[in-house]
Amino acid sequence: MGIALWLVAGGTAFALGRLIPYLRPRVLGELTVSLLVSVVLGGIATALDFGGWNELEWRAALFVLMGTFSVIAVYRLLTPEVTA
């Protein structure tokens, strides 16, 4: 259940990030980055004892959500903007 929570937090960060039009890259690339980063940050949250891969913990979800927001911001700065 914890992994599902991480992926939901990453998907939420992706969905909320798509509402901000500044330097919006392609959808598939940003979705891939956000989901991969959410799993990595979930593993880090488990190592920091914010919950585990099989238990729901609000601290892990918050850690993944905020971390994914940060990585999406960096990803947008490093990729070219889509003008179409």
C-alpha atoms as a PDB file:
ATOM      1  CA  MET A   1       0.000   0.000   0.000  1.00  0.00           C
ATOM      2  CA  GLY A   2       2.901   2.359   0.638  1.00  0.00           C
ATOM      3  CA  ILE A   3       4.126   2.102  -2.954  1.00  0.00           C
ATOM      4  CA  ALA A   4       0.643   2.962  -4.196  1.00  0.00           C
ATOM      5  CA  LEU A   5       0.654   5.992  -1.893  1.00  0.00           C
ATOM      6  CA  TRP A   6       4.015   7.107  -3.328  1.00  0.00           C
ATOM      7  CA  LEU A   7       2.718   6.772  -6.882  1.00  0.00           C
ATOM      8  CA  VAL A   8      -0.460   8.674  -6.012  1.00  0.00           C
ATOM      9  CA  ALA A   9       1.640  11.454  -4.461  1.00  0.00           C
ATOM     10  CA  GLY A  10       3.843  11.559  -7.578  1.00  0.00           C
ATOM     11  CA  GLY A  11       0.793  11.591  -9.837  1.00  0.00           C
ATOM     12  CA  THR A  12      -0.735  14.374  -7.783  1.00  0.00           C
ATOM     13  CA  ALA A  13       2.452  16.422  -8.095  1.00  0.00           C
ATOM     14  CA  PHE A  14       2.387  15.812 -11.848  1.00  0.00           C
ATOM     15  CA  ALA A  15      -1.278  16.818 -12.156  1.00  0.00           C
ATOM     16  CA  LEU A  16      -0.864  19.968 -10.085  1.00  0.00           C
ATOM     17  CA  GLY A  17       2.331  20.819 -11.919  1.00  0.00           C
ATOM     18  CA  ARG A  18       0.513  20.647 -15.252  1.00  0.00           C
ATOM     19  CA  LEU A  19      -1.743  23.483 -14.064  1.00  0.00           C
ATOM     20  CA  ILE A  20       1.266  25.825 -13.960  1.00  0.00           C
ATOM     21  CA  PRO A  21       1.983  26.837 -17.560  1.00  0.00           C
ATOM     22  CA  TYR A  22       5.550  28.104 -16.981  1.00  0.00           C
ATOM     23  CA  LEU A  23       8.097  26.153 -19.086  1.00  0.00           C
ATOM     24  CA  ARG A  24       5.773  23.228 -19.640  1.00  0.00           C
ATOM     25  CA  PRO A  25       7.652  20.288 -21.253  1.00  0.00           C
ATOM     26  CA  ARG A  26       6.111  17.295 -22.985  1.00  0.00           C
ATOM     27  CA  VAL A  27       3.578  15.335 -20.942  1.00  0.00           C
ATOM     28  CA  LEU A  28       5.100  11.860 -21.211  1.00  0.00           C
ATOM     29  CA  GLY A  29       8.570  12.955 -20.138  1.00  0.00           C
ATOM     30  CA  GLU A  30       7.293  14.852 -17.127  1.00  0.00           C
ATOM     31  CA  LEU A  31       4.997  11.984 -16.112  1.00  0.00           C
ATOM     32  CA  THR A  32       7.849   9.489 -16.361  1.00  0.00           C
ATOM     33  CA  VAL A  33      10.163  11.668 -14.297  1.00  0.00           C
ATOM     34  CA  SER A  34       7.546  12.299 -11.625  1.00  0.00           C
ATOM     35  CA  LEU A  35       6.652   8.613 -11.197  1.00  0.00           C
ATOM     36  CA  LEU A  36      10.273   7.433 -11.136  1.00  0.00           C
ATOM     37  CA  VAL A  37      11.239  10.126  -8.657  1.00  0.00           C
ATOM     38  CA  SER A  38       8.254   9.305  -6.457  1.00  0.00           C
ATOM     39  CA  VAL A  39       9.407   5.681  -6.156  1.00  0.00           C
ATOM     40  CA  VAL A  40      12.999   6.745  -5.378  1.00  0.00           C
ATOM     41  CA  LEU A  41      11.835   9.281  -2.793  1.00  0.00           C
ATOM     42  CA  GLY A  42       9.512   6.677  -1.304  1.00  0.00           C
ATOM     43  CA  GLY A  43      12.503   4.388  -0.857  1.00  0.00           C
ATOM     44  CA  ILE A  44      14.373   7.233   0.823  1.00  0.00           C
ATOM     45  CA  ALA A  45      11.364   7.880   3.059  1.00  0.00           C
ATOM     46  CA  THR A  46      11.399   4.212   4.033  1.00  0.00           C
ATOM     47  CA  ALA A  47      15.107   4.427   4.863  1.00  0.00           C
ATOM     48  CA  LEU A  48      14.387   7.497   7.003  1.00  0.00           C
ATOM     49  CA  ASP A  49      11.633   5.506   8.758  1.00  0.00           C
ATOM     50  CA  PHE A  50       8.755   7.682   7.494  1.00  0.00           C
ATOM     51  CA  GLY A  51       6.731   4.565   6.834  1.00  0.00           C
ATOM     52  CA  GLY A  52       7.390   1.631   4.611  1.00  0.00           C
ATOM     53  CA  TRP A  53       6.670   0.172   1.222  1.00  0.00           C
ATOM     54  CA  ASN A  54       3.707  -1.766   2.598  1.00  0.00           C
ATOM     55  CA  GLU A  55       2.137   0.728   5.036  1.00  0.00           C
ATOM     56  CA  LEU A  56       0.356   4.032   4.573  1.00  0.00           C
ATOM     57  CA  GLU A  57       2.112   6.953   6.242  1.00  0.00           C
ATOM     58  CA  TRP A  58       1.261  10.617   5.746  1.00  0.00           C
ATOM     59  CA  ARG A  59       4.871  11.731   6.334  1.00  0.00           C
ATOM     60  CA  ALA A  60       6.104   9.592   3.445  1.00  0.00           C
ATOM     61  CA  ALA A  61       3.374  10.960   1.171  1.00  0.00           C
ATOM     62  CA  LEU A  62       4.251  14.537   2.073  1.00  0.00           C
ATOM     63  CA  PHE A  63       7.976  13.857   1.585  1.00  0.00           C
ATOM     64  CA  VAL A  64       7.327  12.325  -1.851  1.00  0.00           C
ATOM     65  CA  LEU A  65       4.914  15.083  -2.886  1.00  0.00           C
ATOM     66  CA  MET A  66       7.250  17.951  -1.993  1.00  0.00           C
ATOM     67  CA  GLY A  67      10.301  16.190  -3.402  1.00  0.00           C
ATOM     68  CA  THR A  68       8.523  15.457  -6.674  1.00  0.00           C
ATOM     69  CA  PHE A  69       7.424  19.103  -6.943  1.00  0.00           C
ATOM     70  CA  SER A  70      11.073  20.108  -6.587  1.00  0.00           C
ATOM     71  CA  VAL A  71      12.305  17.660  -9.204  1.00  0.00           C
ATOM     72  CA  ILE A  72       9.568  18.701 -11.647  1.00  0.00           C
ATOM     73  CA  ALA A  73      10.707  22.312 -11.245  1.00  0.00           C
ATOM     74  CA  VAL A  74      14.314  21.365 -12.028  1.00  0.00           C
ATOM     75  CA  TYR A  75      13.169  19.182 -14.932  1.00  0.00           C
ATOM     76  CA  ARG A  76      11.242  22.097 -16.414  1.00  0.00           C
ATOM     77  CA  LEU A  77      14.261  24.355 -16.149  1.00  0.00           C
ATOM     78  CA  LEU A  78      16.517  21.812 -17.883  1.00  0.00           C
ATOM     79  CA  THR A  79      14.192  20.866 -20.769  1.00  0.00           C
ATOM     80  CA  PRO A  80      13.120  23.120 -23.636  1.00  0.00           C
ATOM     81  CA  GLU A  81       9.656  24.600 -23.651  1.00  0.00           C
ATOM     82  CA  VAL A  82       7.000  23.244 -25.995  1.00  0.00           C
ATOM     83  CA  THR A  83       5.562  26.133 -27.981  1.00  0.00           C
ATOM     84  CA  ALA A  84       2.723  24.274 -29.707  1.00  0.00           C
END
